Amino acid sequence: GALQPIADLGEISRRAGVLLLVDAAQTAGVCPIHMEAMGIHLLAAPGHKGLLGPQGTGVLLVDPAVELRPIREGGTGAHSRSLEQPAVFPEGFESGTLNVPGIAGLAAGVAFLAAESVAAVRRRELELSTALLEGLRAIPGVTVYGPERPEDRIGVVAFNLEGMDPGEVEARLDEEFGVVGRAGLHCNPGAHAALGTLDRGGAMRLSPGYFTTMAEIEAAVKGVERIAQG
């Protein structure tokens, strides 16, 4: 859940004369991002997380000064008479039939965010994650990973209960308390190796979002507390 110093990395990239590609999987739609100010050349994000779109969608934002070459070629529905892949952007990178229903859903999610504002989403997430962090840290036997200050992180809270497999915690929270989270390595075994949680199967993760209520946060904390008590 730690926020990375992207602007600092952008400055380092600028001095080195290299491009900066940012994976904004957990921050797009949740934290304000300014590509030019932060020195970002390419920004990739899935549609189904903070952008509130359906699964199977995503975006790649590209600085106009960056030249890319497609890795997949085929029918694009544009320049059909040509045997060459279109050189125009974005058609040259959108071979095949597009996921129109998914794109429409993603557009609706982005429109909602534009109306609410990303800053408002960030404030709400900070409020919820602060309550979750404080509640979990007060439970004996619970280890919470990541930065201490909520301002230095996003609403992704990973933790473990002493002596318990994270998969068991996930199952019990779901079955006994109706709290849905995710246990495991979270597509990042390297991070868990650094945390020292790789050999125990990773960690349990709870991720409050814009539509999460404070009552749900309290229910999650109470559920973890009950499980920790045995």
Foldseek 3Di string as FASTA:
>chain_A
DFDDLQLVVLVVCVVVVHAAEEECAPPVLQPDDDCVNSNHAKYKYALVHNLPFDGPGIDIDGDPVDQDAEPDDAAQVPPVVDPDQDRDPPSSHRHDDDPVVRVVRSVVSNVVCVVCDSVNFNVLQLVLQVLLVVLQVVAPQKDWDDDPHSVRDTQKIWIAGPPDQQVVLQVQCCPPQVAHWDFAQVPCLPVCVVVVCNVSGGTIIDGDGSPDDNVSSVSSSVSVNVVNVD
